[in-house]
C-alpha cells in the first residue's frame, strides 16, 4: 500500500562526474521524477539535491514508480554527503508526488 511519501534507501553510490552522483535503491511510497527536489538524510546530516536523471531496468525514464529498482542521478550533493543506507525523500518544498 502506497503511503504517498517517496522514499529510497540507498543501496549503492556511483560518482559519475564532479557534477553528478547516481544512487540506487527501491522506490517506496510514491513516484520520483526528473527535476524533483530531494533530501538525503543519514549520519545526522541532511543534504539537498535535484533529480536530473532516472533509470529503471536499464531504461532512461522521466519517472520511477513505487516498487521500481531505480538509479537516480542527483545534482547538488557532494560525494561525502551520501552513503549506503542513507535515505532519499522529497524535499519539503517540492511538488506533490506524481505532479
Protein backbone atom coordinates (compact mmCIF):
# COMPACT_ATOMS: atom_id res chain seq x y z
CA UNK A 1 0.00 0.00 0.00
CA UNK A 2 1.40 3.39 -1.02
CA UNK A 3 2.00 5.94 1.71
CA UNK A 4 2.26 8.84 -0.76
CA UNK A 5 5.69 9.73 0.61
CA UNK A 6 8.61 8.98 -1.72
CA UNK A 7 11.43 7.10 -0.04
CA UNK A 8 14.52 5.34 -1.37
CA UNK A 9 17.07 3.67 0.90
CA UNK A 10 20.42 3.94 -0.87
CA UNK A 11 21.84 0.53 -1.84
CA UNK A 12 24.79 1.80 -3.88
CA UNK A 13 26.50 5.08 -4.83
CA UNK A 14 28.34 5.90 -8.08
CA UNK A 15 30.24 9.11 -8.77
CA UNK A 16 29.67 9.86 -12.46
CA UNK A 17 31.38 13.23 -12.71
CA UNK A 18 32.28 16.11 -10.45
CA UNK A 19 28.73 17.38 -11.01
CA UNK A 20 26.54 14.28 -10.56
CA UNK A 21 26.17 11.24 -8.34
CA UNK A 22 23.96 8.21 -9.01
CA UNK A 23 22.25 6.42 -6.13
CA UNK A 24 20.39 3.15 -6.49
CA UNK A 25 17.64 1.52 -4.46
CA UNK A 26 13.96 0.58 -4.41
CA UNK A 27 11.35 3.33 -4.66
CA UNK A 28 8.65 3.11 -1.99
CA UNK A 29 5.60 5.20 -1.11
CA UNK A 30 5.34 7.44 -4.18
CA UNK A 31 6.99 8.14 -7.51
CA UNK A 32 10.00 10.37 -8.14
CA UNK A 33 10.89 12.13 -11.37
CA UNK A 34 13.29 14.39 -13.19
CA UNK A 35 13.55 17.92 -11.72
CA UNK A 36 12.17 16.78 -8.33
CA UNK A 37 13.95 18.34 -5.35
CA UNK A 38 15.02 15.70 -2.82
CA UNK A 39 16.73 15.45 0.55
CA UNK A 40 19.35 12.88 1.51
CA UNK A 41 19.34 12.14 5.22
CA UNK A 42 21.63 10.00 7.32
CA UNK A 43 24.51 10.21 9.72
CA UNK A 44 22.96 13.25 11.39
CA UNK A 45 23.14 15.24 8.13
CA UNK A 46 20.61 16.49 5.58
CA UNK A 47 21.68 17.35 2.02
CA UNK A 48 19.63 18.87 -0.80
CA UNK A 49 19.72 17.62 -4.39
CA UNK A 50 17.86 17.72 -7.69
CA UNK A 51 17.00 14.61 -9.69
CA UNK A 52 18.46 15.09 -13.18
CA UNK A 53 18.09 11.52 -14.45
CA UNK A 54 16.05 8.39 -13.73
CA UNK A 55 16.94 4.89 -14.87
CA UNK A 56 14.71 1.86 -14.29
CA UNK A 57 15.65 -1.59 -15.63
CA UNK A 58 18.36 -0.06 -17.85
CA UNK A 59 15.94 2.41 -19.47
CA UNK A 60 16.12 6.18 -19.09
CA UNK A 61 12.70 7.42 -17.95
CA UNK A 62 11.09 10.61 -16.68
CA UNK A 63 9.62 8.89 -13.60
CA UNK A 64 10.34 5.94 -11.28
CA UNK A 65 7.25 4.40 -9.71
CA UNK A 66 6.57 2.58 -6.47
CA UNK A 67 8.48 -0.73 -6.17
CA UNK A 68 10.84 0.12 -9.04
CA UNK A 69 14.52 -0.64 -8.56
CA UNK A 70 15.88 2.68 -9.78
CA UNK A 71 19.01 4.69 -10.30
CA UNK A 72 18.66 8.41 -9.61
CA UNK A 73 21.23 10.83 -10.99
CA UNK A 74 21.48 13.68 -8.48
CA UNK A 75 22.92 17.16 -8.91
CA UNK A 76 23.95 19.10 -5.83
CA UNK A 77 25.26 16.74 -3.17
CA UNK A 78 28.92 16.10 -2.54
CA UNK A 79 30.28 12.57 -2.53
CA UNK A 80 30.91 12.75 1.23
CA UNK A 81 27.22 13.66 1.81
CA UNK A 82 25.97 10.27 0.59
CA UNK A 83 26.50 6.74 1.90
CA UNK A 84 24.85 3.37 1.54
CA UNK A 85 21.92 3.22 3.97
CA UNK A 86 21.11 6.94 3.80
CA UNK A 87 17.53 7.80 2.75
CA UNK A 88 16.34 9.93 -0.18
CA UNK A 89 12.93 11.65 0.18
CA UNK A 90 11.13 14.53 -1.49
CA UNK A 91 12.28 17.90 -0.15
CA UNK A 92 9.55 19.68 1.86
CA UNK A 93 9.02 22.40 -0.78
CA UNK A 94 8.97 20.01 -3.76
CA UNK A 95 5.84 19.38 -5.85
CA UNK A 96 3.45 16.65 -4.80
CA UNK A 97 4.48 13.15 -5.93
CA UNK A 98 3.28 12.36 -9.42
CA UNK A 99 2.88 16.09 -10.13
